[in-house]
Structure formats: C-alpha cells, structure tokens
C-alpha atoms as a PDB file:
ATOM      1  CA  MET A   1       0.484  -4.359 -12.703  1.00  0.00           C
ATOM      2  CA  VAL A   2       0.573  -5.571  -8.885  1.00  0.00           C
ATOM      3  CA  VAL A   3       3.635  -6.605  -6.073  1.00  0.00           C
ATOM      4  CA  TYR A   4       2.608 -10.616  -4.838  1.00  0.00           C
ATOM      5  CA  ARG A   5       4.882 -11.603  -2.064  1.00  0.00           C
ATOM      6  CA  TYR A   6       6.184 -15.438  -2.047  1.00  0.00           C
ATOM      7  CA  ARG A   7       7.959 -17.475   0.427  1.00  0.00           C
ATOM      8  CA  THR A   8       9.980 -20.536   0.285  1.00  0.00           C
ATOM      9  CA  LYS A   9       9.540 -23.709   3.144  1.00  0.00           C
ATOM     10  CA  ASP A  10      12.919 -22.107   4.660  1.00  0.00           C
ATOM     11  CA  GLY A  11      11.427 -18.177   5.039  1.00  0.00           C
ATOM     12  CA  VAL A  12      12.740 -16.761   2.120  1.00  0.00           C
ATOM     13  CA  LEU A  13      10.850 -13.564   0.886  1.00  0.00           C
ATOM     14  CA  ALA A  14      10.495 -12.516  -2.675  1.00  0.00           C
ATOM     15  CA  ASP A  15       8.200 -10.093  -4.477  1.00  0.00           C
ATOM     16  CA  ARG A  16       7.142 -10.164  -7.583  1.00  0.00           C
ATOM     17  CA  VAL A  17       5.286  -8.010 -10.549  1.00  0.00           C
ATOM     18  CA  PHE A  18       2.410  -9.663 -12.567  1.00  0.00           C
ATOM     19  CA  GLN A  19      -1.128  -8.050 -14.186  1.00  0.00           C
ATOM     20  CA  MET A  20      -3.641  -8.042 -11.376  1.00  0.00           C
ATOM     21  CA  GLY A  21      -5.331 -11.846 -11.224  1.00  0.00           C
ATOM     22  CA  LYS A  22      -2.359 -13.212 -13.338  1.00  0.00           C
ATOM     23  CA  ALA A  23      -0.266 -14.119 -10.285  1.00  0.00           C
ATOM     24  CA  PRO A  24       0.288 -18.223 -10.557  1.00  0.00           C
ATOM     25  CA  ALA A  25      -0.162 -19.794  -7.323  1.00  0.00           C
ATOM     26  CA  SER A  26       3.854 -20.663  -6.975  1.00  0.00           C
ATOM     27  CA  ILE A  27       7.246 -19.591  -8.471  1.00  0.00           C
ATOM     28  CA  MET A  28      10.400 -20.470  -8.254  1.00  0.00           C
ATOM     29  CA  ILE A  29      13.507 -18.809  -6.487  1.00  0.00           C
ATOM     30  CA  ASN A  30      16.984 -20.324  -7.127  1.00  0.00           C
ATOM     31  CA  GLY A  31      15.582 -23.779  -7.556  1.00  0.00           C
ATOM     32  CA  ARG A  32      13.335 -23.552  -4.570  1.00  0.00           C
ATOM     33  CA  ARG A  33       9.452 -23.735  -4.788  1.00  0.00           C
ATOM     34  CA  ALA A  34       7.774 -20.558  -3.182  1.00  0.00           C
ATOM     35  CA  ASN A  35       4.009 -19.785  -2.693  1.00  0.00           C
ATOM     36  CA  ARG A  36       1.856 -16.838  -2.501  1.00  0.00           C
ATOM     37  CA  ASP A  37       2.403 -15.181   1.280  1.00  0.00           C
ATOM     38  CA  PHE A  38      -1.294 -14.026   2.005  1.00  0.00           C
ATOM     39  CA  SER A  39      -0.248 -13.812   5.017  1.00  0.00           C
ATOM     40  CA  THR A  40       1.198 -10.084   4.719  1.00  0.00           C
ATOM     41  CA  VAL A  41      -1.860  -9.108   2.312  1.00  0.00           C
ATOM     42  CA  ASN A  42      -3.397  -5.937   4.243  1.00  0.00           C
ATOM     43  CA  VAL A  43      -6.519  -6.765   5.658  1.00  0.00           C
ATOM     44  CA  PRO A  44      -8.693  -3.593   6.567  1.00  0.00           C
ATOM     45  CA  SER A  45     -10.874  -3.810   9.682  1.00  0.00           C
ATOM     46  CA  SER A  46     -14.763  -4.563   9.201  1.00  0.00           C
ATOM     47  CA  ALA A  47     -15.733  -0.814   9.055  1.00  0.00           C
ATOM     48  CA  GLY A  48     -12.765  -0.023   6.365  1.00  0.00           C
ATOM     49  CA  TRP A  49     -11.000   2.513   9.276  1.00  0.00           C
ATOM     50  CA  PRO A  50      -7.747   2.426   9.183  1.00  0.00           C
ATOM     51  CA  MET A  51      -7.400   2.087   5.415  1.00  0.00           C
ATOM     52  CA  PRO A  52      -3.973  -0.348   5.469  1.00  0.00           C
ATOM     53  CA  GLY A  53      -2.479   2.853   2.912  1.00  0.00           C
ATOM     54  CA  CYS A  54      -4.314   4.159  -0.086  1.00  0.00           C
ATOM     55  CA  VAL A  55      -2.759   3.612  -3.391  1.00  0.00           C
ATOM     56  CA  ALA A  56      -5.198   5.401  -5.177  1.00  0.00           C
ATOM     57  CA  SER A  57      -3.892   8.828  -3.846  1.00  0.00           C
ATOM     58  CA  GLY A  58       0.226   7.193  -2.888  1.00  0.00           C
ATOM     59  CA  VAL A  59       3.479   9.127  -4.582  1.00  0.00           C
ATOM     60  CA  HIS A  60       6.644   6.795  -5.830  1.00  0.00           C
ATOM     61  CA  PRO A  61       8.215   5.885  -2.609  1.00  0.00           C
ATOM     62  CA  ASP A  62      11.111   8.528  -3.594  1.00  0.00           C
ATOM     63  CA  GLN A  63       8.543  11.022  -2.874  1.00  0.00           C
ATOM     64  CA  ALA A  64       7.037   9.975   0.400  1.00  0.00           C
ATOM     65  CA  GLY A  65       8.835  12.246   2.449  1.00  0.00           C
ATOM     66  CA  GLU A  66       7.274  15.343   0.211  1.00  0.00           C
ATOM     67  CA  LEU A  67       4.095  14.200   1.096  1.00  0.00           C
ATOM     68  CA  ARG A  68       4.239  13.816   4.687  1.00  0.00           C
ATOM     69  CA  LYS A  69       6.189  17.657   4.414  1.00  0.00           C
ATOM     70  CA  HIS A  70       2.662  18.907   2.437  1.00  0.00           C
ATOM     71  CA  PHE A  71       0.308  17.069   4.807  1.00  0.00           C
ATOM     72  CA  THR A  72       2.943  19.186   8.010  1.00  0.00           C
ATOM     73  CA  ASP A  73       2.967  21.953   6.001  1.00  0.00           C
ATOM     74  CA  HIS A  74      -0.731  22.466   5.584  1.00  0.00           C
ATOM     75  CA  GLY A  75      -1.736  21.216   9.599  1.00  0.00           C
ATOM     76  CA  LEU A  76      -2.513  17.879   8.699  1.00  0.00           C
ATOM     77  CA  SER A  77      -1.418  14.832  10.519  1.00  0.00           C
ATOM     78  CA  VAL A  78      -1.498  11.961   7.901  1.00  0.00           C
ATOM     79  CA  GLU A  79       0.669   9.187   7.747  1.00  0.00           C
ATOM     80  CA  VAL A  80       2.791   7.990   4.726  1.00  0.00           C
ATOM     81  CA  ASN A  81       4.052   4.646   4.331  1.00  0.00           C
ATOM     82  CA  LYS A  82       7.040   3.849   2.993  1.00  0.00           C
ATOM     83  CA  ASP A  83       5.864   3.109  -0.122  1.00  0.00           C
ATOM     84  CA  GLY A  84       4.367   6.519  -0.804  1.00  0.00           C
ATOM     85  CA  ASP A  85       0.688   5.641   0.379  1.00  0.00           C
ATOM     86  CA  PRO A  86      -1.158   8.046   2.924  1.00  0.00           C
ATOM     87  CA  ILE A  87      -2.993   5.762   6.083  1.00  0.00           C
ATOM     88  CA  TYR A  88      -6.078   7.812   6.575  1.00  0.00           C
ATOM     89  CA  GLU A  89      -7.898   7.174  10.228  1.00  0.00           C
ATOM     90  CA  SER A  90     -11.500   7.932   8.580  1.00  0.00           C
ATOM     91  CA  ARG A  91     -13.596   9.479   5.859  1.00  0.00           C
ATOM     92  CA  LYS A  92     -13.438  12.952   6.943  1.00  0.00           C
ATOM     93  CA  HIS A  93      -9.250  12.647   7.631  1.00  0.00           C
ATOM     94  CA  GLN A  94      -9.599  11.002   4.223  1.00  0.00           C
ATOM     95  CA  GLU A  95     -11.286  13.962   2.897  1.00  0.00           C
ATOM     96  CA  LYS A  96      -9.010  16.843   4.234  1.00  0.00           C
ATOM     97  CA  ALA A  97      -6.187  14.941   3.340  1.00  0.00           C
ATOM     98  CA  LEU A  98      -7.357  14.845  -0.243  1.00  0.00           C
ATOM     99  CA  ALA A  99      -8.973  18.333  -0.279  1.00  0.00           C
ATOM    100  CA  CYS A 100      -5.613  19.596   0.418  1.00  0.00           C
ATOM    101  CA  ARG A 101      -3.799  18.202  -2.321  1.00  0.00           C
ATOM    102  CA  GLY A 102      -6.315  19.187  -4.605  1.00  0.00           C
ATOM    103  CA  MET A 103      -8.081  15.514  -4.825  1.00  0.00           C
ATOM    104  CA  HIS A 104     -11.845  14.278  -4.202  1.00  0.00           C
ATOM    105  CA  ASN A 105     -12.814  10.682  -3.880  1.00  0.00           C
ATOM    106  CA  LYS A 106     -15.809  10.001  -6.176  1.00  0.00           C
ATOM    107  CA  SER A 107     -17.149   7.158  -4.155  1.00  0.00           C
END
C-alpha cells in the first residue's frame, strides 16, 4: 500500500492509501474534487544521490528517534526523516549505514 497526496483547488491537502498503481486521478474531499498532487513527490537527482528517503530500510515513524540514536551510537551521521526513512548521501554512506544494522543492498 502506498500513500498518495491529493489537493483541492483551494489548497486543501489529503493523503489517501491505495495499492501501488491503483490510485485514482481525483477523489472527493468533503464534497470538493481533489486531484493527485505530484509536486510533493520526491524526485532524486540524476545521479540518485542523495536518496530522498529509503523506504526499504526505514522504520515506523514512531521508531525514527531510535534509528537516529542507533546511527549516532555507531558513529554515523545519517539523517532520518519524520517518516522513519534514512536519507543516504552516497552509495558508500548507504553501505556503512546498512552494515551497522546488519543489512546490505542486493543491487
């Protein structure tokens, strides 16, 4: 399931959850039509770094503080966004952060 953002003409925002690729182009919010808001989608640089937030290695938002502390305790400077997703600055940065959690990138 993926969270999609919608916006009405007067700027009211709403997030809705749909299966990936199944989100409608518009929804109704309190009787007003809201269209998909693509301006809030994170678009990585052409090189892919920094990675805007790695959902695959993220944690529940309630655990974001614990993940920040884990990185700090292991001497790593890794930003974790409010959604609990680490933000990697480079491939090497990602490798170090994943290794300290006993993980690795298969690609």
